[in-house]
Amino acid sequence: MTVKEYRVSLSWSVSELARRAKLSTKTINRIEDGQPTYDYTLNSVARAFSEALGKTVTIRDLEGVQIIES
């Protein structure tokens, strides 16, 4: 699933995901737009999804993201 698909499945707004991942809404929008993103930033998103879903979500589970490895 894409970041947006995970977010929508949880009925979260961009602001809610940003709050839970401790990122800016601008960063979430960039991720959803497919812009390259550092792995540690995507890990914050995956962790927020994992906590909400009660299962492990890794950055490799986030389809359509361009990962910049730090």
PDB file of N, CA and C in Angstrom:
ATOM      1  N   MET A   1       0.841  -1.187   0.000  1.00  0.00           N
ATOM      2  CA  MET A   1       0.000   0.000   0.000  1.00  0.00           C
ATOM      3  C   MET A   1       0.885   1.249   0.000  1.00  0.00           C
ATOM      4  N   THR A   2       0.379   2.293  -0.602  1.00  0.00           N
ATOM      5  CA  THR A   2       1.101   3.563  -0.579  1.00  0.00           C
ATOM      6  C   THR A   2       0.882   4.245   0.769  1.00  0.00           C
ATOM      7  N   VAL A   3       1.668   5.272   1.032  1.00  0.00           N
ATOM      8  CA  VAL A   3       1.494   6.046   2.264  1.00  0.00           C
ATOM      9  C   VAL A   3       0.077   6.617   2.314  1.00  0.00           C
ATOM     10  N   LYS A   4      -0.388   7.151   1.195  1.00  0.00           N
ATOM     11  CA  LYS A   4      -1.737   7.725   1.172  1.00  0.00           C
ATOM     12  C   LYS A   4      -2.793   6.653   1.429  1.00  0.00           C
ATOM     13  N   GLU A   5      -2.616   5.468   0.853  1.00  0.00           N
ATOM     14  CA  GLU A   5      -3.586   4.385   1.072  1.00  0.00           C
ATOM     15  C   GLU A   5      -3.618   3.963   2.540  1.00  0.00           C
ATOM     16  N   TYR A   6      -2.457   3.842   3.169  1.00  0.00           N
ATOM     17  CA  TYR A   6      -2.423   3.542   4.612  1.00  0.00           C
ATOM     18  C   TYR A   6      -3.136   4.641   5.384  1.00  0.00           C
ATOM     19  N   ARG A   7      -2.810   5.892   5.055  1.00  0.00           N
ATOM     20  CA  ARG A   7      -3.388   7.025   5.778  1.00  0.00           C
ATOM     21  C   ARG A   7      -4.905   7.051   5.643  1.00  0.00           C
ATOM     22  N   VAL A   8      -5.395   6.891   4.431  1.00  0.00           N
ATOM     23  CA  VAL A   8      -6.842   6.926   4.195  1.00  0.00           C
ATOM     24  C   VAL A   8      -7.534   5.742   4.867  1.00  0.00           C
ATOM     25  N   SER A   9      -6.885   4.570   4.858  1.00  0.00           N
ATOM     26  CA  SER A   9      -7.488   3.389   5.492  1.00  0.00           C
ATOM     27  C   SER A   9      -7.666   3.590   6.996  1.00  0.00           C
ATOM     28  N   LEU A  10      -6.843   4.458   7.575  1.00  0.00           N
ATOM     29  CA  LEU A  10      -6.953   4.773   8.997  1.00  0.00           C
ATOM     30  C   LEU A  10      -7.837   5.999   9.250  1.00  0.00           C
ATOM     31  N   SER A  11      -8.381   6.559   8.177  1.00  0.00           N
ATOM     32  CA  SER A  11      -9.212   7.774   8.247  1.00  0.00           C
ATOM     33  C   SER A  11      -8.441   8.944   8.858  1.00  0.00           C
ATOM     34  N   TRP A  12      -7.159   9.026   8.529  1.00  0.00           N
ATOM     35  CA  TRP A  12      -6.315  10.108   9.010  1.00  0.00           C
ATOM     36  C   TRP A  12      -6.182  11.188   7.959  1.00  0.00           C
ATOM     37  N   SER A  13      -6.133  12.409   8.407  1.00  0.00           N
ATOM     38  CA  SER A  13      -5.792  13.527   7.533  1.00  0.00           C
ATOM     39  C   SER A  13      -4.269  13.579   7.402  1.00  0.00           C
ATOM     40  N   VAL A  14      -3.796  14.393   6.488  1.00  0.00           N
ATOM     41  CA  VAL A  14      -2.354  14.600   6.379  1.00  0.00           C
ATOM     42  C   VAL A  14      -1.817  15.156   7.696  1.00  0.00           C
ATOM     43  N   SER A  15      -2.569  16.059   8.302  1.00  0.00           N
ATOM     44  CA  SER A  15      -2.152  16.659   9.580  1.00  0.00           C
ATOM     45  C   SER A  15      -2.041  15.608  10.683  1.00  0.00           C
ATOM     46  N   GLU A  16      -2.976  14.679  10.717  1.00  0.00           N
ATOM     47  CA  GLU A  16      -2.944  13.632  11.741  1.00  0.00           C
ATOM     48  C   GLU A  16      -1.728  12.727  11.564  1.00  0.00           C
ATOM     49  N   LEU A  17      -1.440  12.323  10.348  1.00  0.00           N
ATOM     50  CA  LEU A  17      -0.255  11.501  10.109  1.00  0.00           C
ATOM     51  C   LEU A  17       1.003  12.279  10.487  1.00  0.00           C
ATOM     52  N   ALA A  18       1.059  13.532  10.096  1.00  0.00           N
ATOM     53  CA  ALA A  18       2.223  14.360  10.432  1.00  0.00           C
ATOM     54  C   ALA A  18       2.414  14.436  11.945  1.00  0.00           C
ATOM     55  N   ARG A  19       1.334  14.634  12.673  1.00  0.00           N
ATOM     56  CA  ARG A  19       1.418  14.712  14.138  1.00  0.00           C
ATOM     57  C   ARG A  19       1.927  13.408  14.726  1.00  0.00           C
ATOM     58  N   ARG A  20       1.359  12.297  14.278  1.00  0.00           N
ATOM     59  CA  ARG A  20       1.743  10.995  14.826  1.00  0.00           C
ATOM     60  C   ARG A  20       3.163  10.590  14.445  1.00  0.00           C
ATOM     61  N   ALA A  21       3.620  11.022  13.269  1.00  0.00           N
ATOM     62  CA  ALA A  21       4.967  10.690  12.807  1.00  0.00           C
ATOM     63  C   ALA A  21       5.994  11.749  13.241  1.00  0.00           C
ATOM     64  N   LYS A  22       5.490  12.825  13.871  1.00  0.00           N
ATOM     65  CA  LYS A  22       6.343  13.932  14.308  1.00  0.00           C
ATOM     66  C   LYS A  22       7.092  14.559  13.126  1.00  0.00           C
ATOM     67  N   LEU A  23       6.338  14.784  12.058  1.00  0.00           N
ATOM     68  CA  LEU A  23       6.861  15.408  10.844  1.00  0.00           C
ATOM     69  C   LEU A  23       5.949  16.562  10.451  1.00  0.00           C
ATOM     70  N   SER A  24       6.377  17.361   9.500  1.00  0.00           N
ATOM     71  CA  SER A  24       5.523  18.461   9.031  1.00  0.00           C
ATOM     72  C   SER A  24       4.533  17.945   7.981  1.00  0.00           C
ATOM     73  N   THR A  25       3.455  18.674   7.813  1.00  0.00           N
ATOM     74  CA  THR A  25       2.495  18.310   6.769  1.00  0.00           C
ATOM     75  C   THR A  25       3.153  18.446   5.393  1.00  0.00           C
ATOM     76  N   LYS A  26       4.057  19.387   5.255  1.00  0.00           N
ATOM     77  CA  LYS A  26       4.782  19.566   3.990  1.00  0.00           C
ATOM     78  C   LYS A  26       5.574  18.296   3.657  1.00  0.00           C
ATOM     79  N   THR A  27       6.201  17.705   4.657  1.00  0.00           N
ATOM     80  CA  THR A  27       6.965  16.471   4.440  1.00  0.00           C
ATOM     81  C   THR A  27       6.042  15.331   4.029  1.00  0.00           C
ATOM     82  N   ILE A  28       4.896  15.201   4.687  1.00  0.00           N
ATOM     83  CA  ILE A  28       3.949  14.138   4.329  1.00  0.00           C
ATOM     84  C   ILE A  28       3.467  14.336   2.893  1.00  0.00           C
ATOM     85  N   ASN A  29       3.163  15.559   2.515  1.00  0.00           N
ATOM     86  CA  ASN A  29       2.731  15.837   1.142  1.00  0.00           C
ATOM     87  C   ASN A  29       3.814  15.473   0.135  1.00  0.00           C
ATOM     88  N   ARG A  30       5.050  15.770   0.457  1.00  0.00           N
ATOM     89  CA  ARG A  30       6.157  15.428  -0.442  1.00  0.00           C
ATOM     90  C   ARG A  30       6.283  13.915  -0.602  1.00  0.00           C
ATOM     91  N   ILE A  31       6.156  13.203   0.512  1.00  0.00           N
ATOM     92  CA  ILE A  31       6.223  11.733   0.453  1.00  0.00           C
ATOM     93  C   ILE A  31       5.100  11.206  -0.430  1.00  0.00           C
ATOM     94  N   GLU A  32       3.887  11.686  -0.206  1.00  0.00           N
ATOM     95  CA  GLU A  32       2.734  11.209  -0.979  1.00  0.00           C
ATOM     96  C   GLU A  32       2.842  11.596  -2.449  1.00  0.00           C
ATOM     97  N   ASP A  33       3.579  12.659  -2.739  1.00  0.00           N
ATOM     98  CA  ASP A  33       3.784  13.076  -4.132  1.00  0.00           C
ATOM     99  C   ASP A  33       4.905  12.293  -4.807  1.00  0.00           C
ATOM    100  N   GLY A  34       5.553  11.397  -4.046  1.00  0.00           N
ATOM    101  CA  GLY A  34       6.583  10.545  -4.631  1.00  0.00           C
ATOM    102  C   GLY A  34       7.968  11.153  -4.687  1.00  0.00           C
ATOM    103  N   GLN A  35       8.180  12.233  -3.945  1.00  0.00           N
ATOM    104  CA  GLN A  35       9.504  12.840  -3.939  1.00  0.00           C
ATOM    105  C   GLN A  35      10.463  11.994  -3.092  1.00  0.00           C
ATOM    106  N   PRO A  36      11.744  11.945  -3.474  1.00  0.00           N
ATOM    107  CA  PRO A  36      12.721  11.161  -2.710  1.00  0.00           C
ATOM    108  C   PRO A  36      12.763  11.604  -1.248  1.00  0.00           C
ATOM    109  N   THR A  37      12.822  10.621  -0.350  1.00  0.00           N
ATOM    110  CA  THR A  37      12.737  10.875   1.090  1.00  0.00           C
ATOM    111  C   THR A  37      13.752  10.017   1.824  1.00  0.00           C
ATOM    112  N   TYR A  38      14.383  10.591   2.835  1.00  0.00           N
ATOM    113  CA  TYR A  38      15.354   9.840   3.622  1.00  0.00           C
ATOM    114  C   TYR A  38      14.703   8.683   4.360  1.00  0.00           C
ATOM    115  N   ASP A  39      15.462   7.611   4.492  1.00  0.00           N
ATOM    116  CA  ASP A  39      14.952   6.407   5.155  1.00  0.00           C
ATOM    117  C   ASP A  39      14.500   6.683   6.583  1.00  0.00           C
ATOM    118  N   TYR A  40      15.219   7.532   7.312  1.00  0.00           N
ATOM    119  CA  TYR A  40      14.834   7.798   8.699  1.00  0.00           C
ATOM    120  C   TYR A  40      13.508   8.551   8.782  1.00  0.00           C
ATOM    121  N   THR A  41      13.196   9.357   7.770  1.00  0.00           N
ATOM    122  CA  THR A  41      11.901  10.041   7.726  1.00  0.00           C
ATOM    123  C   THR A  41      10.786   9.033   7.451  1.00  0.00           C
ATOM    124  N   LEU A  42      11.028   8.138   6.510  1.00  0.00           N
ATOM    125  CA  LEU A  42      10.035   7.104   6.200  1.00  0.00           C
ATOM    126  C   LEU A  42       9.851   6.144   7.371  1.00  0.00           C
ATOM    127  N   ASN A  43      10.916   5.916   8.140  1.00  0.00           N
ATOM    128  CA  ASN A  43      10.788   5.073   9.332  1.00  0.00           C
ATOM    129  C   ASN A  43       9.814   5.679  10.330  1.00  0.00           C
ATOM    130  N   SER A  44       9.793   7.001  10.439  1.00  0.00           N
ATOM    131  CA  SER A  44       8.840   7.671  11.336  1.00  0.00           C
ATOM    132  C   SER A  44       7.403   7.436  10.887  1.00  0.00           C
ATOM    133  N   VAL A  45       7.184   7.473   9.583  1.00  0.00           N
ATOM    134  CA  VAL A  45       5.855   7.221   9.018  1.00  0.00           C
ATOM    135  C   VAL A  45       5.464   5.764   9.257  1.00  0.00           C
ATOM    136  N   ALA A  46       6.375   4.847   8.961  1.00  0.00           N
ATOM    137  CA  ALA A  46       6.090   3.423   9.146  1.00  0.00           C
ATOM    138  C   ALA A  46       5.793   3.108  10.611  1.00  0.00           C
ATOM    139  N   ARG A  47       6.531   3.737  11.516  1.00  0.00           N
ATOM    140  CA  ARG A  47       6.308   3.516  12.949  1.00  0.00           C
ATOM    141  C   ARG A  47       4.913   3.990  13.362  1.00  0.00           C
ATOM    142  N   ALA A  48       4.488   5.139  12.838  1.00  0.00           N
ATOM    143  CA  ALA A  48       3.145   5.654  13.156  1.00  0.00           C
ATOM    144  C   ALA A  48       2.071   4.679  12.675  1.00  0.00           C
ATOM    145  N   PHE A  49       2.247   4.142  11.467  1.00  0.00           N
ATOM    146  CA  PHE A  49       1.293   3.161  10.952  1.00  0.00           C
ATOM    147  C   PHE A  49       1.325   1.882  11.787  1.00  0.00           C
ATOM    148  N   SER A  50       2.503   1.439  12.151  1.00  0.00           N
ATOM    149  CA  SER A  50       2.645   0.215  12.951  1.00  0.00           C
ATOM    150  C   SER A  50       1.897   0.329  14.276  1.00  0.00           C
ATOM    151  N   GLU A  51       2.086   1.451  14.949  1.00  0.00           N
ATOM    152  CA  GLU A  51       1.427   1.669  16.242  1.00  0.00           C
ATOM    153  C   GLU A  51      -0.089   1.668  16.091  1.00  0.00           C
ATOM    154  N   ALA A  52      -0.587   2.289  15.036  1.00  0.00           N
ATOM    155  CA  ALA A  52      -2.034   2.377  14.836  1.00  0.00           C
ATOM    156  C   ALA A  52      -2.643   1.046  14.418  1.00  0.00           C
ATOM    157  N   LEU A  53      -1.908   0.296  13.621  1.00  0.00           N
ATOM    158  CA  LEU A  53      -2.446  -0.960  13.076  1.00  0.00           C
ATOM    159  C   LEU A  53      -2.168  -2.162  13.961  1.00  0.00           C
ATOM    160  N   GLY A  54      -1.245  -2.020  14.910  1.00  0.00           N
ATOM    161  CA  GLY A  54      -0.907  -3.140  15.777  1.00  0.00           C
ATOM    162  C   GLY A  54      -0.138  -4.235  15.060  1.00  0.00           C
ATOM    163  N   LYS A  55       0.549  -3.851  13.995  1.00  0.00           N
ATOM    164  CA  LYS A  55       1.391  -4.797  13.260  1.00  0.00           C
ATOM    165  C   LYS A  55       2.571  -4.024  12.696  1.00  0.00           C
ATOM    166  N   THR A  56       3.627  -4.739  12.383  1.00  0.00           N
ATOM    167  CA  THR A  56       4.828  -4.077  11.891  1.00  0.00           C
ATOM    168  C   THR A  56       4.670  -3.648  10.440  1.00  0.00           C
ATOM    169  N   VAL A  57       4.915  -2.370  10.208  1.00  0.00           N
ATOM    170  CA  VAL A  57       4.974  -1.811   8.865  1.00  0.00           C
ATOM    171  C   VAL A  57       6.380  -1.244   8.719  1.00  0.00           C
ATOM    172  N   THR A  58       7.095  -1.653   7.674  1.00  0.00           N
ATOM    173  CA  THR A  58       8.441  -1.139   7.431  1.00  0.00           C
ATOM    174  C   THR A  58       8.422  -0.241   6.205  1.00  0.00           C
ATOM    175  N   ILE A  59       9.530   0.445   5.980  1.00  0.00           N
ATOM    176  CA  ILE A  59       9.581   1.323   4.815  1.00  0.00           C
ATOM    177  C   ILE A  59       9.498   0.518   3.522  1.00  0.00           C
ATOM    178  N   ARG A  60       9.862  -0.736   3.571  1.00  0.00           N
ATOM    179  CA  ARG A  60       9.756  -1.589   2.379  1.00  0.00           C
ATOM    180  C   ARG A  60       8.298  -1.921   2.059  1.00  0.00           C
ATOM    181  N   ASP A  61       7.413  -1.748   3.045  1.00  0.00           N
ATOM    182  CA  ASP A  61       5.977  -1.977   2.831  1.00  0.00           C
ATOM    183  C   ASP A  61       5.289  -0.764   2.207  1.00  0.00           C
ATOM    184  N   LEU A  62       5.982   0.356   2.176  1.00  0.00           N
ATOM    185  CA  LEU A  62       5.394   1.601   1.660  1.00  0.00           C
ATOM    186  C   LEU A  62       5.658   1.687   0.162  1.00  0.00           C
ATOM    187  N   GLU A  63       4.643   1.348  -0.614  1.00  0.00           N
ATOM    188  CA  GLU A  63       4.787   1.340  -2.068  1.00  0.00           C
ATOM    189  C   GLU A  63       4.876   2.748  -2.622  1.00  0.00           C
ATOM    190  N   GLY A  64       5.640   2.877  -3.688  1.00  0.00           N
ATOM    191  CA  GLY A  64       5.710   4.143  -4.411  1.00  0.00           C
ATOM    192  C   GLY A  64       6.611   5.204  -3.804  1.00  0.00           C
ATOM    193  N   VAL A  65       7.359   4.849  -2.741  1.00  0.00           N
ATOM    194  CA  VAL A  65       8.267   5.824  -2.156  1.00  0.00           C
ATOM    195  C   VAL A  65       9.653   5.682  -2.761  1.00  0.00           C
ATOM    196  N   GLN A  66      10.324   6.804  -2.868  1.00  0.00           N
ATOM    197  CA  GLN A  66      11.709   6.810  -3.339  1.00  0.00           C
ATOM    198  C   GLN A  66      12.583   7.019  -2.107  1.00  0.00           C
ATOM    199  N   ILE A  67      13.346   6.011  -1.764  1.00  0.00           N
ATOM    200  CA  ILE A  67      14.108   6.021  -0.516  1.00  0.00           C
ATOM    201  C   ILE A  67      15.524   6.541  -0.765  1.00  0.00           C
ATOM    202  N   ILE A  68      15.902   7.535   0.055  1.00  0.00           N
ATOM    203  CA  ILE A  68      17.285   7.994   0.090  1.00  0.00           C
ATOM    204  C   ILE A  68      17.888   7.379   1.343  1.00  0.00           C
ATOM    205  N   GLU A  69      18.874   6.530   1.172  1.00  0.00           N
ATOM    206  CA  GLU A  69      19.483   5.871   2.333  1.00  0.00           C
ATOM    207  C   GLU A  69      20.534   6.785   2.926  1.00  0.00           C
ATOM    208  N   SER A  70      20.458   6.937   4.255  1.00  0.00           N
ATOM    209  CA  SER A  70      21.403   7.832   4.947  1.00  0.00           C
ATOM    210  C   SER A  70      22.643   7.091   5.382  1.00  0.00           C
TER     211      SER A  70
END
